Amino acid sequence: MKAVVFSLGCKVNQCEGQSMISALREQGICASDKLGPADFYIINTCSVTAESDRKSRQAVARVLKCNPQANVYICGCSSQNDPAAFTSKQNVRIVSGTGKKAAWIPEILADLSLQGHAGRCIVEEPATQYEDGALPEHTKTRSYIKIQDGCNNFCSYCIVPYLRGRSRSRSIANIVAEAEQAAKFTREIVLTGIDISAYGQDIGESLASLVTQLGKIPVRKRLSSLECTAVNDELLQALQDGGFCDHFHLPLQSGSESVLRRMNRKYTPEFYLSQVQRIRRIFPHAGITADVITGFGGETEEEFLQTEQFVQQVRFSDMHVFPYSERKGTAAYGLPQIDKSIRQARAGRLIGIAEQMRAEFCESRLGSVAQVYAETEEDGRSVGYTSNYIKVYSDLPVGELGTVKLEKIYKEGVQGIRYEK
């Protein structure tokens, strides 16, 4: 019997999808994350934006194109948010939510032999403690390790805390055990979660203590995303001592203090900039990237100009820019809404600035040598990333972590050549 676990959205969802694959394989099922013919499908949905919900609903039709007779099982954030959107869809057997994903596998296997109860809904409230499950199959070149779930921030634009529940942390011992296992198959691990900045607060630990323990594992290590409020000298020292990559993804969302207040973000632009400067004192060549939302409820042209000026003051190595997407059920849903064409136009302006800053950051490192992890192949060259997340096209073999001299700008990164002392 063959199954496909089709995961949409964030890296946390991808990790959870791999855990379901592992649980299926433990039951003797041939399971994959590659969409293709299968006897049944698990769709692991996403709800971060309205577009994510739409793609999650469309995924049912996508998998049935591979096998119109297959049973379909739904889980994840979109079904947690609106299970009724899935229960009546063709061939959908059970609709679950964000919790107990790997533990749900025995119920799916038992259902395969039944004929009734199509569209059955078993969505429950989000968990209050971290749910350990099967360790994910580390099938990617870079391994993502989930250390935390849920979020306590309740940013006014975000639906995720309502779907994932409050922040809850995984034990350091379990994380280290998975990292040691992953190190047998990969050259780089990435710590991920819904809000890893909150790691340990519910179990008497800290992100710095976890980083210290992982520093002993002989693979390249990096953090996924970190709130600027979590940056402190203890954490930065632990990252440096543990050999973590000098790349920091610090969600900004806006460079306007008034917009940040409406977003219920817990910092000012001035504080954010001071945290970036703190990082650069210890990691002078750090890649610092950010998420920015344009056209948030009521954003004026002046507020947008404040963001435009602020991002250029920070000098990011890259930015991910998103037009604001209203989410029913969030505090921001009732705010005055900006026309979508204006959101898109503002996003386009910031994307242009991001491309310029990325090129300037790459140019600043030309002539230097860097450790590059070659992950894939494109145009006859391997493609990988430096520790500070510059994309590098080189002659390194795929799968190798090696030293490369960065020689010239190429596409959205640089071209390099293996460096021999």
Protein backbone atom coordinates (compact mmCIF):
# COMPACT_ATOMS: atom_id res chain seq x y z
CA MET A 1 0.00 0.00 0.00
CA LYS A 2 1.22 3.48 -0.86
CA ALA A 3 0.47 6.85 0.77
CA VAL A 4 1.36 10.46 0.02
CA VAL A 5 1.56 13.12 2.73
CA PHE A 6 1.11 16.44 0.93
CA SER A 7 2.13 19.34 3.20
CA LEU A 8 1.47 22.99 2.40
CA GLY A 9 2.94 26.05 4.07
CA CYS A 10 5.65 26.55 6.65
CA LYS A 11 8.67 24.48 7.64
CA VAL A 12 6.85 23.38 10.82
CA ASN A 13 4.17 21.82 8.64
CA GLN A 14 6.88 20.15 6.55
CA CYS A 15 8.44 18.69 9.72
CA GLU A 16 5.06 17.40 10.89
CA GLY A 17 4.43 15.92 7.45
CA GLN A 18 7.73 14.05 7.65
CA SER A 19 6.72 12.74 11.11
CA MET A 20 3.53 11.34 9.59
CA ILE A 21 5.57 9.70 6.84
CA SER A 22 7.78 8.10 9.50
CA ALA A 23 4.71 6.86 11.42
CA LEU A 24 3.27 5.37 8.22
CA ARG A 25 6.51 3.58 7.40
CA GLU A 26 6.58 2.11 10.89
CA GLN A 27 3.23 0.49 9.97
CA GLY A 28 4.67 -0.98 6.77
CA ILE A 29 3.17 1.64 4.44
CA CYS A 30 5.23 2.96 1.52
CA ALA A 31 4.93 6.71 2.17
CA SER A 32 6.31 9.79 0.44
CA ASP A 33 5.93 13.57 0.31
CA LYS A 34 6.08 13.53 -3.51
CA LEU A 35 2.69 14.04 -5.14
CA GLY A 36 1.90 11.07 -7.38
CA PRO A 37 -0.26 7.94 -7.63
CA ALA A 38 -1.12 6.48 -4.20
CA ASP A 39 -3.80 4.44 -2.43
CA PHE A 40 -4.60 7.27 -0.03
CA TYR A 41 -3.56 10.85 0.67
CA ILE A 42 -3.05 12.98 3.76
CA ILE A 43 -3.29 16.71 3.07
CA ASN A 44 -1.52 18.77 5.74
CA THR A 45 -3.11 22.21 5.25
CA CYS A 46 -2.01 25.81 5.85
CA SER A 47 -4.05 28.89 6.85
CA VAL A 48 -1.52 31.72 7.22
CA THR A 49 -3.27 33.72 4.46
CA ALA A 50 -6.55 33.52 2.56
CA GLU A 51 -4.53 32.27 -0.43
CA SER A 52 -3.14 29.45 1.76
CA ASP A 53 -6.71 28.40 2.63
CA ARG A 54 -7.65 28.42 -1.05
CA LYS A 55 -4.66 26.28 -2.02
CA SER A 56 -5.42 23.88 0.84
CA ARG A 57 -8.97 23.39 -0.41
CA GLN A 58 -7.76 22.97 -3.99
CA ALA A 59 -5.30 20.30 -2.86
CA VAL A 60 -8.13 17.77 -2.63
CA ALA A 61 -8.75 18.04 -6.37
CA ARG A 62 -4.99 17.96 -7.02
CA VAL A 63 -4.44 14.65 -5.26
CA LEU A 64 -7.53 13.06 -6.80
CA LYS A 65 -6.11 13.75 -10.26
CA CYS A 66 -3.43 11.20 -9.31
CA ASN A 67 -6.02 8.63 -8.18
CA PRO A 68 -9.75 9.54 -8.40
CA GLN A 69 -10.70 6.55 -6.21
CA ALA A 70 -8.31 7.27 -3.35
CA ASN A 71 -9.39 8.10 0.20
CA VAL A 72 -8.34 11.56 1.39
CA TYR A 73 -7.57 12.65 4.96
CA ILE A 74 -7.26 16.29 6.00
CA CYS A 75 -5.34 17.88 8.88
CA GLY A 76 -3.52 21.13 9.69
CA CYS A 77 -4.24 24.80 10.22
CA SER A 78 -6.83 25.36 7.47
CA SER A 79 -9.00 22.46 8.63
CA GLN A 80 -8.57 23.60 12.25
CA ASN A 81 -9.83 27.03 11.15
CA ASP A 82 -12.74 25.82 8.98
CA PRO A 83 -13.36 22.06 9.00
CA ALA A 84 -16.67 22.47 7.17
CA ALA A 85 -14.74 23.63 4.09
CA PHE A 86 -13.39 20.08 3.73
CA THR A 87 -15.96 17.62 5.14
CA SER A 88 -18.16 17.63 2.03
CA LYS A 89 -15.36 17.40 -0.51
CA GLN A 90 -15.09 14.35 -2.74
CA ASN A 91 -13.47 11.27 -1.16
CA VAL A 92 -12.60 13.08 2.10
CA ARG A 93 -12.94 10.55 4.90
CA ILE A 94 -11.74 12.27 8.10
CA VAL A 95 -11.01 15.92 8.85
CA SER A 96 -8.64 16.61 11.73
CA GLY A 97 -6.83 19.76 12.91
CA THR A 98 -3.39 20.84 14.10
CA GLY A 99 -2.92 18.33 16.92
CA LYS A 100 -1.88 14.67 17.18
CA LYS A 101 -0.84 14.39 13.55
CA ALA A 102 1.52 11.41 13.83
CA ALA A 103 -0.71 9.77 16.47
CA TRP A 104 -3.62 9.99 13.99
CA ILE A 105 -2.09 7.40 11.65
CA PRO A 106 -3.64 4.26 13.29
CA GLU A 107 -7.12 5.80 12.95
CA ILE A 108 -6.50 6.48 9.27
CA LEU A 109 -5.35 2.91 8.66
CA ALA A 110 -8.39 1.54 10.49
CA ASP A 111 -10.68 3.75 8.39
CA LEU A 112 -9.29 2.47 5.08
CA SER A 113 -11.32 -0.73 5.37
CA LEU A 114 -14.60 1.04 6.23
CA GLN A 115 -17.29 2.33 3.91
CA GLY A 116 -19.32 4.77 6.04
CA HIS A 117 -18.68 8.01 7.94
CA ALA A 118 -17.32 9.97 4.97
CA GLY A 119 -16.41 13.54 5.90
CA ARG A 120 -16.18 12.73 9.61
CA CYS A 121 -14.79 15.69 11.64
CA ILE A 122 -12.54 15.06 14.67
CA VAL A 123 -11.06 18.55 15.09
CA GLU A 124 -10.17 19.26 18.73
CA GLU A 125 -8.89 22.29 20.61
CA PRO A 126 -5.12 22.88 20.20
CA ALA A 127 -2.88 21.01 22.63
CA THR A 128 -1.65 22.64 25.84
CA GLN A 129 1.61 20.65 26.05
CA TYR A 130 4.17 19.76 23.40
CA GLU A 131 3.17 16.59 21.53
CA ASP A 132 6.08 14.30 20.80
CA GLY A 133 5.53 11.90 17.94
CA ALA A 134 7.50 9.81 15.50
CA LEU A 135 10.81 11.38 14.53
CA PRO A 136 10.54 12.80 11.01
CA GLU A 137 12.29 11.17 8.10
CA HIS A 138 15.25 13.41 7.32
CA THR A 139 14.91 13.13 3.55
CA LYS A 140 15.93 16.71 2.74
CA THR A 141 19.51 17.83 2.18
CA ARG A 142 19.01 20.31 5.00
CA SER A 143 17.21 18.88 8.05
CA TYR A 144 14.61 20.92 9.92
CA ILE A 145 14.07 20.06 13.57
CA LYS A 146 10.92 21.28 15.31
CA ILE A 147 11.66 22.52 18.83
CA GLN A 148 8.44 24.32 19.75
CA ASP A 149 4.79 24.78 18.77
CA GLY A 150 2.17 27.49 19.28
CA CYS A 151 2.46 31.23 19.88
CA ASN A 152 1.66 33.68 22.69
CA ASN A 153 2.18 36.89 20.70
CA PHE A 154 -1.31 37.38 19.20
CA CYS A 155 -0.20 39.87 16.57
CA SER A 156 -3.40 41.54 15.44
CA TYR A 157 -3.10 40.30 11.83
CA CYS A 158 -2.28 36.66 12.62
CA ILE A 159 -4.66 33.70 12.88
CA VAL A 160 -1.99 31.18 13.87
CA PRO A 161 -2.19 31.44 17.72
CA TYR A 162 -5.90 30.62 17.52
CA LEU A 163 -5.19 27.51 15.44
CA ARG A 164 -1.94 26.30 17.00
CA GLY A 165 -2.59 27.25 20.62
CA ARG A 166 -0.22 28.69 23.20
CA SER A 167 3.55 28.27 23.03
CA ARG A 168 4.82 24.92 24.27
CA SER A 169 8.37 23.61 24.16
CA ARG A 170 9.92 20.26 23.41
CA SER A 171 12.44 18.87 25.88
CA ILE A 172 16.13 19.55 25.24
CA ALA A 173 16.90 15.83 25.54
CA ASN A 174 14.47 14.93 22.73
CA ILE A 175 15.73 17.71 20.48
CA VAL A 176 19.37 16.70 20.98
CA ALA A 177 18.53 13.04 20.31
CA GLU A 178 16.88 13.95 17.00
CA ALA A 179 19.76 16.25 16.05
CA GLU A 180 22.26 13.46 16.70
CA GLN A 181 20.22 11.14 14.47
CA ALA A 182 19.87 13.79 11.74
CA ALA A 183 23.63 14.43 11.80
CA LYS A 184 24.13 10.94 10.35
CA PHE A 185 22.33 11.97 7.13
CA THR A 186 22.80 15.71 6.68
CA ARG A 187 25.46 18.39 6.95
CA GLU A 188 23.14 21.11 8.30
CA ILE A 189 20.24 21.27 10.75
CA VAL A 190 17.79 24.16 11.15
CA LEU A 191 15.86 24.75 14.36
CA THR A 192 12.27 25.66 13.57
CA GLY A 193 8.95 26.24 15.32
CA ILE A 194 5.98 28.59 15.28
CA ASP A 195 7.86 30.99 17.60
CA ILE A 196 11.26 29.62 18.61
CA SER A 197 11.95 32.89 20.44
CA ALA A 198 9.62 31.60 23.20
CA TYR A 199 11.47 28.29 23.47
CA GLY A 200 11.82 27.02 27.04
CA GLN A 201 9.71 29.63 28.78
CA ASP A 202 7.07 27.03 29.72
CA ILE A 203 9.51 24.33 30.89
CA GLY A 204 12.14 26.32 32.76
CA GLU A 205 14.68 26.29 29.95
CA SER A 206 15.93 28.86 27.42
CA LEU A 207 16.88 28.99 23.78
CA ALA A 208 20.46 29.79 24.84
CA SER A 209 20.67 26.59 26.90
CA LEU A 210 19.36 24.53 23.98
CA VAL A 211 21.86 26.16 21.62
CA THR A 212 24.67 25.35 24.05
CA GLN A 213 23.71 21.66 24.10
CA LEU A 214 23.43 21.48 20.31
CA GLY A 215 26.82 23.15 19.91
CA LYS A 216 28.44 19.78 20.61
CA ILE A 217 26.91 18.15 17.50
CA PRO A 218 29.34 18.22 14.53
CA VAL A 219 27.07 19.60 11.79
CA ARG A 220 26.37 23.10 10.58
CA LYS A 221 23.50 24.61 12.56
CA ARG A 222 21.22 27.60 12.10
CA LEU A 223 18.07 29.19 13.54
CA SER A 224 15.02 29.67 11.33
CA SER A 225 13.26 32.83 12.54
CA LEU A 226 13.79 34.86 15.69
CA GLU A 227 11.88 37.78 17.20
CA CYS A 228 14.15 40.77 17.75
CA THR A 229 12.99 40.89 21.38
CA ALA A 230 14.68 37.52 22.01
CA VAL A 231 18.15 38.71 21.00
CA ASN A 232 20.46 39.09 23.99
CA ASP A 233 24.17 38.71 24.72
CA GLU A 234 23.75 35.26 26.32
CA LEU A 235 22.06 33.86 23.22
CA LEU A 236 24.52 35.50 20.81
CA GLN A 237 27.48 34.15 22.78
CA ALA A 238 25.96 30.65 22.81
CA LEU A 239 25.42 30.82 19.04
CA GLN A 240 29.00 31.92 18.49
CA ASP A 241 30.47 29.28 20.82
CA GLY A 242 28.25 26.55 19.32
CA GLY A 243 29.29 27.28 15.73
CA PHE A 244 25.84 28.38 14.59
CA CYS A 245 25.48 30.18 11.27
CA ASP A 246 25.65 33.96 11.18
CA HIS A 247 22.23 34.37 9.59
CA PHE A 248 19.39 35.97 11.52
CA HIS A 249 15.85 36.15 10.18
CA LEU A 250 14.18 38.85 12.30
CA PRO A 251 10.53 39.50 11.31
CA LEU A 252 10.02 43.27 11.08
CA GLN A 253 6.54 43.60 9.50
CA SER A 254 6.68 47.41 9.48
CA GLY A 255 9.16 50.23 9.99
CA SER A 256 6.42 52.56 11.24
CA GLU A 257 5.95 52.79 14.99
CA SER A 258 2.23 53.53 14.65
CA VAL A 259 1.67 50.54 12.37
CA LEU A 260 3.63 48.29 14.73
CA ARG A 261 1.31 49.36 17.56
CA ARG A 262 -1.77 48.47 15.49
CA MET A 263 -0.14 45.15 14.66
CA ASN A 264 0.41 44.49 18.39
CA ARG A 265 4.12 43.98 17.79
CA LYS A 266 6.20 44.36 20.96
CA TYR A 267 8.98 46.72 19.81
CA THR A 268 9.67 50.05 18.12
CA PRO A 269 11.76 50.56 14.98
CA GLU A 270 14.48 52.10 17.16
CA PHE A 271 14.64 49.01 19.37
CA TYR A 272 14.70 46.73 16.32
CA LEU A 273 17.66 48.65 14.88
CA SER A 274 19.53 48.46 18.20
CA GLN A 275 19.11 44.67 18.18
CA VAL A 276 20.48 44.46 14.64
CA GLN A 277 23.47 46.50 15.75
CA ARG A 278 23.95 44.17 18.74
CA ILE A 279 24.10 41.19 16.37
CA ARG A 280 26.57 42.90 14.06
CA ARG A 281 28.95 43.65 16.92
CA ILE A 282 29.40 39.88 17.45
CA PHE A 283 28.73 38.68 13.89
CA PRO A 284 30.09 41.49 11.67
CA HIS A 285 29.25 39.76 8.38
CA ALA A 286 25.85 38.43 9.46
CA GLY A 287 23.11 38.07 6.92
CA ILE A 288 20.04 39.74 8.41
CA THR A 289 16.73 39.13 6.66
CA ALA A 290 13.18 40.18 7.49
CA ASP A 291 9.49 39.79 6.70
CA VAL A 292 7.60 42.98 5.86
CA ILE A 293 3.84 43.43 5.36
CA THR A 294 2.58 46.24 3.13
CA GLY A 295 -0.87 47.81 3.21
CA PHE A 296 -1.77 46.70 6.73
CA GLY A 297 -5.12 48.06 7.94
CA GLY A 298 -5.16 51.84 7.71
CA GLU A 299 -1.53 52.17 6.56
CA THR A 300 -1.08 55.72 5.24
CA GLU A 301 1.40 56.75 2.57
CA GLU A 302 3.44 58.46 5.29
CA GLU A 303 3.55 55.27 7.36
CA PHE A 304 4.64 53.30 4.31
CA LEU A 305 7.39 55.85 3.60
CA GLN A 306 8.60 55.36 7.19
CA THR A 307 8.94 51.65 6.46
CA GLU A 308 10.65 52.31 3.13
CA GLN A 309 13.20 54.57 4.80
CA PHE A 310 13.72 52.29 7.78
CA VAL A 311 14.54 49.15 5.80
CA GLN A 312 17.20 51.10 3.89
CA GLN A 313 18.62 52.33 7.19
CA VAL A 314 18.93 48.76 8.50
CA ARG A 315 20.50 47.48 5.23
CA PHE A 316 19.06 43.98 5.20
CA SER A 317 20.76 41.23 3.23
CA ASP A 318 17.30 40.34 1.88
CA MET A 319 13.60 40.78 2.67
CA HIS A 320 10.43 38.76 2.19
CA VAL A 321 7.64 41.20 1.33
CA PHE A 322 3.93 40.36 1.54
CA PRO A 323 0.81 42.41 0.80
CA TYR A 324 -1.47 42.29 3.84
CA SER A 325 -4.09 39.51 3.84
CA GLU A 326 -7.16 39.97 6.06
CA ARG A 327 -7.93 37.02 8.32
CA LYS A 328 -11.41 36.74 9.78
CA GLY A 329 -11.19 36.15 13.51
CA THR A 330 -8.15 38.36 14.07
CA ALA A 331 -8.15 41.71 15.88
CA ALA A 332 -7.13 43.54 12.70
CA TYR A 333 -10.04 42.26 10.66
CA GLY A 334 -12.21 45.25 11.58
CA LEU A 335 -9.62 47.90 10.73
CA PRO A 336 -10.07 50.16 7.67
CA GLN A 337 -8.69 48.22 4.71
CA ILE A 338 -6.30 49.49 2.05
CA ASP A 339 -7.15 48.79 -1.59
CA LYS A 340 -5.41 45.62 -2.72
CA SER A 341 -3.83 47.35 -5.69
CA ILE A 342 -2.12 49.79 -3.30
CA ARG A 343 -0.89 46.90 -1.13
CA GLN A 344 0.58 45.25 -4.21
CA ALA A 345 2.18 48.47 -5.47
CA ARG A 346 3.81 49.12 -2.11
CA ALA A 347 5.03 45.55 -2.00
CA GLY A 348 6.57 46.01 -5.44
CA ARG A 349 8.48 49.06 -4.27
CA LEU A 350 9.92 47.18 -1.28
CA ILE A 351 10.79 44.16 -3.41
CA GLY A 352 12.87 46.44 -5.64
CA ILE A 353 14.70 47.77 -2.59
CA ALA A 354 15.21 44.22 -1.31
CA GLU A 355 16.80 43.16 -4.60
CA GLN A 356 19.17 46.11 -4.48
CA MET A 357 20.17 45.42 -0.86
CA ARG A 358 20.71 41.73 -1.60
CA ALA A 359 23.03 42.59 -4.50
CA GLU A 360 24.97 45.04 -2.34
CA PHE A 361 25.35 42.46 0.43
CA CYS A 362 26.61 39.87 -2.06
CA GLU A 363 29.04 42.39 -3.56
CA SER A 364 30.42 43.17 -0.10
CA ARG A 365 31.56 39.54 0.24
CA LEU A 366 33.15 39.12 -3.21
CA GLY A 367 36.76 37.99 -2.95
CA SER A 368 36.18 36.31 0.41
CA VAL A 369 36.08 32.58 1.07
CA ALA A 370 33.13 30.89 2.75
CA GLN A 371 31.84 27.48 3.74
CA VAL A 372 29.10 26.50 1.28
CA TYR A 373 26.73 23.57 1.60
CA ALA A 374 25.94 22.42 -1.96
CA GLU A 375 22.33 21.24 -1.83
CA THR A 376 20.93 21.05 -5.38
CA GLU A 377 22.01 21.46 -9.00
CA GLU A 378 21.04 24.15 -11.51
CA ASP A 379 22.47 25.15 -14.91
CA GLY A 380 25.28 22.59 -14.56
CA ARG A 381 26.42 24.01 -11.21
CA SER A 382 25.69 23.06 -7.64
CA VAL A 383 23.62 25.53 -5.61
CA GLY A 384 24.05 26.08 -1.90
CA TYR A 385 24.33 28.70 0.79
CA THR A 386 27.02 30.30 2.88
CA SER A 387 26.56 30.47 6.65
CA ASN A 388 25.21 34.02 6.26
CA TYR A 389 22.79 32.81 3.58
CA ILE A 390 24.28 34.03 0.34
CA LYS A 391 23.18 31.79 -2.52
CA VAL A 392 26.25 30.34 -4.24
CA TYR A 393 26.61 28.61 -7.61
CA SER A 394 29.84 26.61 -7.62
CA ASP A 395 31.71 23.48 -8.68
CA LEU A 396 31.27 21.74 -5.33
CA PRO A 397 29.63 18.29 -5.60
CA VAL A 398 26.03 18.22 -4.36
CA GLY A 399 25.96 17.11 -0.73
CA GLU A 400 29.38 18.52 0.11
CA LEU A 401 30.13 21.24 2.66
CA GLY A 402 33.25 22.88 1.33
CA THR A 403 35.25 26.09 1.07
CA VAL A 404 34.42 28.33 -1.89
CA LYS A 405 35.88 31.63 -3.07
CA LEU A 406 33.09 34.06 -3.96
CA GLU A 407 34.05 35.54 -7.33
CA LYS A 408 31.23 37.43 -9.07
CA ILE A 409 27.55 38.29 -8.96
CA TYR A 410 25.42 35.63 -10.63
CA LYS A 411 21.62 35.64 -10.80
CA GLU A 412 20.25 36.27 -7.28
CA GLY A 413 23.51 35.26 -5.61
CA VAL A 414 27.16 34.79 -6.49
CA GLN A 415 29.29 32.45 -8.52
CA GLY A 416 32.22 30.80 -6.78
CA ILE A 417 34.91 28.19 -7.19
CA ARG A 418 36.23 25.58 -4.83
CA TYR A 419 39.01 27.10 -2.76
CA GLU A 420 42.22 25.16 -2.17
CA LYS A 421 44.77 26.66 0.21
